[in-house]
Protein backbone atom coordinates (compact mmCIF):
# COMPACT_ATOMS: atom_id res chain seq x y z
CA PHE A 1 -65.16 -123.94 74.11
CA ARG A 2 -62.43 -121.87 73.14
CA ARG A 3 -60.40 -125.02 75.33
CA ASN A 4 -62.35 -127.69 73.98
CA ALA A 5 -60.84 -126.64 70.31
CA ILE A 6 -57.41 -126.05 71.31
CA ASN A 7 -56.99 -129.65 73.23
CA GLN A 8 -58.43 -131.16 69.94
CA LEU A 9 -56.39 -129.28 67.48
CA LYS A 10 -52.94 -130.10 69.96
CA MET A 11 -54.32 -133.77 69.93
CA LEU A 12 -54.22 -133.41 65.70
CA GLY A 13 -50.51 -132.34 66.54
CA CYS A 14 -51.21 -128.47 65.75
CA ASP A 15 -48.75 -125.70 67.10
CA VAL A 16 -50.71 -124.18 69.28
CA ARG A 17 -49.94 -120.48 71.23
CA CYS A 18 -51.09 -118.15 73.64
CA LEU A 19 -50.16 -114.85 73.97
CA GLU A 20 -49.60 -113.54 77.49
CA SER A 21 -52.83 -111.04 78.62
CA THR A 22 -50.77 -108.72 80.05
CA SER A 23 -48.95 -107.90 76.70
CA SER A 24 -49.35 -104.51 75.24
CA TYR A 25 -51.52 -103.72 72.03
CA HIS A 26 -48.40 -102.91 70.12
CA GLN A 27 -47.03 -106.84 71.33
CA TRP A 28 -50.12 -107.78 70.18
CA LEU A 29 -50.58 -106.98 66.81
CA VAL A 30 -46.57 -107.67 66.12
CA TRP A 31 -47.25 -111.43 67.60
CA LEU A 32 -50.30 -111.92 65.29
CA ARG A 33 -47.80 -111.35 62.49
CA THR A 34 -46.27 -114.69 63.65
CA GLN A 35 -49.82 -116.43 63.20
CA ARG A 36 -51.35 -118.68 61.00
CA VAL A 37 -54.81 -118.58 62.45
CA PHE A 38 -56.01 -116.99 65.18
CA LEU A 39 -59.33 -118.91 67.20
CA HIS A 40 -61.74 -115.64 68.02
CA ASP A 41 -65.07 -116.43 69.95
CA GLU A 42 -67.39 -115.06 71.35
CA GLY A 43 -69.51 -117.90 73.25
CA GLN A 44 -69.90 -116.23 76.30
CA LYS A 45 -73.56 -114.48 76.15
CA TRP A 46 -74.80 -110.99 77.68
CA MET A 47 -77.80 -110.72 80.15
CA LEU A 48 -79.68 -107.65 78.67
CA ASP A 49 -83.63 -107.35 80.88
CA GLY A 50 -83.26 -110.92 82.69
CA LYS A 51 -82.63 -112.56 78.80
CA SER A 52 -79.36 -114.03 77.45
CA VAL A 53 -78.00 -112.38 74.07
CA ASP A 54 -75.32 -113.50 71.83
CA ARG A 55 -72.57 -111.09 72.15
CA PHE A 56 -70.39 -110.40 68.25
CA ALA A 57 -69.93 -106.58 68.69
CA ALA A 58 -65.85 -107.39 68.50
CA VAL A 59 -65.67 -108.04 64.74
CA ASN A 60 -63.07 -105.13 64.83
CA LYS A 61 -61.12 -107.24 66.78
CA ASP A 62 -61.16 -109.20 63.40
CA VAL A 63 -60.61 -106.79 61.27
CA GLU A 64 -57.17 -105.63 63.16
CA ILE A 65 -56.24 -109.33 63.33
CA ALA A 66 -57.17 -110.26 59.39
CA ALA A 67 -55.22 -106.69 58.89
CA GLN A 68 -52.00 -107.80 60.29
CA GLY A 69 -51.98 -110.82 57.38
CA CYS A 70 -53.76 -113.79 59.86
CA PHE A 71 -56.48 -116.44 58.93
CA VAL A 72 -59.67 -115.33 61.73
CA LEU A 73 -61.56 -118.33 63.04
CA ARG A 74 -65.13 -116.83 64.62
CA ASP A 75 -67.82 -117.72 65.82
CA SER A 76 -70.72 -118.38 63.32
CA GLY A 77 -72.77 -116.39 65.38
CA ALA A 78 -70.55 -113.64 63.57
CA ASP A 79 -72.08 -114.18 60.72
CA ILE A 80 -74.67 -111.69 60.85
CA GLU A 81 -72.46 -108.17 61.90
CA LEU A 82 -70.04 -109.29 59.42
CA THR A 83 -72.65 -109.39 56.99
CA ASN A 84 -73.79 -106.09 57.71
CA TYR A 85 -70.50 -104.09 57.82
CA GLY A 86 -69.28 -106.22 54.64
CA LEU A 87 -67.08 -107.94 56.24
CA ASP A 88 -68.08 -111.46 54.68
CA GLN A 89 -66.12 -110.08 52.09
CA ILE A 90 -62.55 -110.57 53.36
CA PRO A 91 -61.31 -114.25 52.78
CA CYS A 92 -59.55 -114.52 55.70
CA ILE A 93 -62.08 -113.95 58.58
CA MET A 94 -63.92 -117.73 58.39
CA THR A 95 -66.72 -118.49 60.56
CA PHE A 96 -67.26 -121.90 62.78
CA ASP A 97 -70.27 -123.45 64.01
CA SER A 98 -68.68 -126.14 66.40
CA PRO A 99 -65.47 -127.33 67.86
CA GLU A 100 -65.03 -129.91 65.27
CA HIS A 101 -66.08 -126.76 62.53
CA CYS A 102 -63.45 -125.16 63.74
CA VAL A 103 -60.88 -127.98 64.01
CA GLN A 104 -61.58 -129.17 60.54
CA LEU A 105 -61.11 -125.22 59.13
CA ALA A 106 -57.86 -125.25 61.06
CA CYS A 107 -56.24 -127.96 59.58
CA GLU A 108 -57.67 -127.05 55.97
CA ILE A 109 -55.21 -123.42 56.35
CA ASP A 110 -52.16 -125.79 57.77
CA ASN A 111 -52.78 -127.54 54.81
CA MET A 112 -53.99 -124.49 52.53
CA ASP A 113 -51.42 -124.57 49.31
CA PRO A 114 -49.26 -121.35 50.94
CA SER A 115 -49.65 -119.66 47.07
CA ARG A 116 -53.25 -119.40 47.48
CA ALA A 117 -53.08 -118.35 51.57
CA ASP A 118 -50.83 -115.86 50.49
CA ASP A 119 -53.74 -114.46 47.80
CA MET A 120 -56.75 -114.49 50.37
CA ILE A 121 -53.90 -112.82 52.53
CA THR A 122 -53.32 -109.74 50.09
CA GLN A 123 -57.27 -110.06 48.85
CA SER A 124 -57.76 -109.59 52.57
CA VAL A 125 -55.54 -106.81 53.43
CA GLU A 126 -56.23 -104.72 50.24
CA PHE A 127 -60.38 -105.10 50.97
CA ILE A 128 -59.79 -104.00 54.45
CA ARG A 129 -56.97 -101.13 52.83
CA GLY A 130 -59.51 -99.85 50.14
CA MET A 131 -62.45 -99.82 53.22
CA LYS A 132 -64.27 -96.35 53.19
CA GLY A 133 -64.56 -96.21 57.15
CA TRP A 134 -60.89 -96.82 57.21
CA ASN A 135 -60.60 -93.19 55.73
CA ASP A 136 -63.54 -91.64 57.80
CA MET A 137 -62.06 -92.37 60.86
CA LYS A 138 -58.85 -91.41 60.13
CA GLY A 139 -60.88 -87.38 59.55
CA ILE A 140 -62.82 -87.68 62.99
CA LEU A 141 -59.89 -88.45 64.44
CA LYS A 142 -57.49 -85.07 63.00
């Protein structure tokens, strides 16, 4: 799926870059700050008791990405988890339901008025900064 969406974006003339998997976590965060859109697809499924189950347990990654000022395009199966955790309030996290929809959203972001994009990024970062969970985690880690 990801390869299909990336190929479609390239055919539309979008500048698509991938970070080497050998990069450190710090390098990944720095790299995110230079990106406009991050495609996050957890399309693979888990097998539990012989049943295929969607895996959407990585919404924390979406929050990390949006906190760096990058738009996140996430497979729509994550909608439930994003809503359950209140993360659907983060404007820079958007969900798609097909490769075509993903490409459409990427193009909309690419053509977005810069002041609107800045407003969405600021709202996202401020929302994340204000989330109570971050403060809870600081207390746990002390």
